[in-house]
Amino acid sequence: NQQALAACPSVRVLEQQTANWSRAEAQTLMENWLTTYGDDIKGVIGQNDEMALGAIEAIKGAGLDVSDFSIAGIDGITDALGAVKAGEMSSILQ
């Protein structure tokens, strides 16, 4: 991720923090980031699908349109595949 982001100078990373592979912790982090950064957030890269799905839950909980964000996960779990099919997650790597 770091190498790919370094090749995209127009992308500004606002935060990097672990949610310990937890959907609930990721939801809390994203809620905090939405409060702090608001409309500056354009996307999320989750190092696993659970964390990406937690970000989606926070976005929905804030009454925002998930399709306004690019959200990527990694694992290809069933819930993530469903989120991709629903247009809520942009991609998964596996």
Protein backbone atom coordinates (compact mmCIF):
# COMPACT_ATOMS: atom_id res chain seq x y z
CA ASN A 1 0.00 0.00 0.00
CA GLN A 2 2.77 2.42 0.90
CA GLN A 3 4.51 1.95 -2.46
CA ALA A 4 1.28 2.32 -4.41
CA LEU A 5 0.33 5.46 -2.51
CA ALA A 6 3.82 6.93 -2.98
CA ALA A 7 3.29 6.61 -6.73
CA CYS A 8 0.14 8.75 -6.45
CA PRO A 9 1.28 12.18 -5.27
CA SER A 10 -2.25 13.58 -5.56
CA VAL A 11 -3.44 11.19 -2.82
CA ARG A 12 -3.04 12.58 0.67
CA VAL A 13 -3.06 10.11 3.55
CA LEU A 14 -4.96 11.66 6.44
CA GLU A 15 -4.54 8.87 9.02
CA GLN A 16 -2.99 5.47 9.46
CA GLN A 17 -3.98 3.42 12.44
CA THR A 18 -4.76 -0.18 13.18
CA ALA A 19 -8.14 -1.42 14.27
CA ASN A 20 -6.59 -4.72 15.31
CA TRP A 21 -8.37 -6.62 12.54
CA SER A 22 -11.71 -5.80 14.22
CA ARG A 23 -14.83 -4.54 12.47
CA ALA A 24 -16.03 -2.83 15.67
CA GLU A 25 -12.71 -1.07 16.30
CA ALA A 26 -12.57 0.05 12.67
CA GLN A 27 -16.07 1.44 12.92
CA THR A 28 -15.05 3.50 15.96
CA LEU A 29 -11.90 4.76 14.23
CA MET A 30 -13.84 5.76 11.14
CA GLU A 31 -16.49 7.52 13.22
CA ASN A 32 -13.71 9.56 14.83
CA TRP A 33 -12.08 10.30 11.48
CA LEU A 34 -15.37 11.40 9.95
CA THR A 35 -15.73 13.84 12.82
CA THR A 36 -12.15 15.07 12.46
CA TYR A 37 -11.76 15.15 8.66
CA GLY A 38 -15.31 15.25 7.31
CA ASP A 39 -15.47 15.70 3.55
CA ASP A 40 -11.68 15.38 3.18
CA ILE A 41 -12.01 11.60 3.40
CA LYS A 42 -12.37 10.09 -0.06
CA GLY A 43 -11.34 6.50 0.56
CA VAL A 44 -10.24 3.80 2.97
CA ILE A 45 -7.80 0.93 2.60
CA GLY A 46 -8.45 -1.79 5.14
CA GLN A 47 -5.70 -4.34 5.67
CA ASN A 48 -8.48 -6.87 6.06
CA ASP A 49 -12.11 -6.99 5.06
CA GLU A 50 -13.37 -6.72 8.63
CA MET A 51 -11.76 -3.29 9.04
CA ALA A 52 -13.06 -2.12 5.65
CA LEU A 53 -16.54 -3.29 6.60
CA GLY A 54 -16.29 -1.41 9.90
CA ALA A 55 -15.51 1.76 7.96
CA ILE A 56 -18.60 1.14 5.81
CA GLU A 57 -20.75 0.79 8.93
CA ALA A 58 -19.44 4.10 10.28
CA ILE A 59 -20.13 5.86 6.98
CA LYS A 60 -23.68 4.51 6.91
CA GLY A 61 -24.15 5.41 10.58
CA ALA A 62 -23.16 8.99 9.81
CA GLY A 63 -25.90 9.13 7.17
CA LEU A 64 -23.37 9.42 4.35
CA ASP A 65 -23.53 7.73 0.96
CA VAL A 66 -21.02 4.86 0.89
CA SER A 67 -20.74 5.21 -2.89
CA ASP A 68 -19.03 8.59 -2.34
CA PHE A 69 -16.01 6.71 -0.91
CA SER A 70 -13.52 4.27 -2.42
CA ILE A 71 -13.15 1.46 0.09
CA ALA A 72 -10.85 -1.53 -0.33
CA GLY A 73 -10.38 -4.64 1.75
CA ILE A 74 -8.11 -7.64 1.33
CA ASP A 75 -9.47 -11.05 2.27
CA GLY A 76 -12.47 -11.82 0.09
CA ILE A 77 -14.72 -12.92 2.95
CA THR A 78 -18.41 -13.47 2.26
CA ASP A 79 -19.54 -10.15 3.79
CA ALA A 80 -16.97 -8.26 1.71
CA LEU A 81 -18.03 -9.99 -1.50
CA GLY A 82 -21.58 -8.94 -0.69
CA ALA A 83 -20.43 -5.36 -0.10
CA VAL A 84 -18.69 -5.31 -3.49
CA LYS A 85 -21.83 -6.65 -5.18
CA ALA A 86 -23.90 -4.01 -3.37
CA GLY A 87 -21.56 -1.25 -4.56
CA GLU A 88 -20.43 -0.44 -1.02
CA MET A 89 -16.83 -1.68 -1.35
CA SER A 90 -14.65 -0.88 -4.36
CA SER A 91 -12.42 -3.91 -4.28
CA ILE A 92 -10.92 -6.81 -2.43
CA LEU A 93 -7.53 -8.24 -3.32
CA GLN A 94 -8.25 -11.98 -3.10
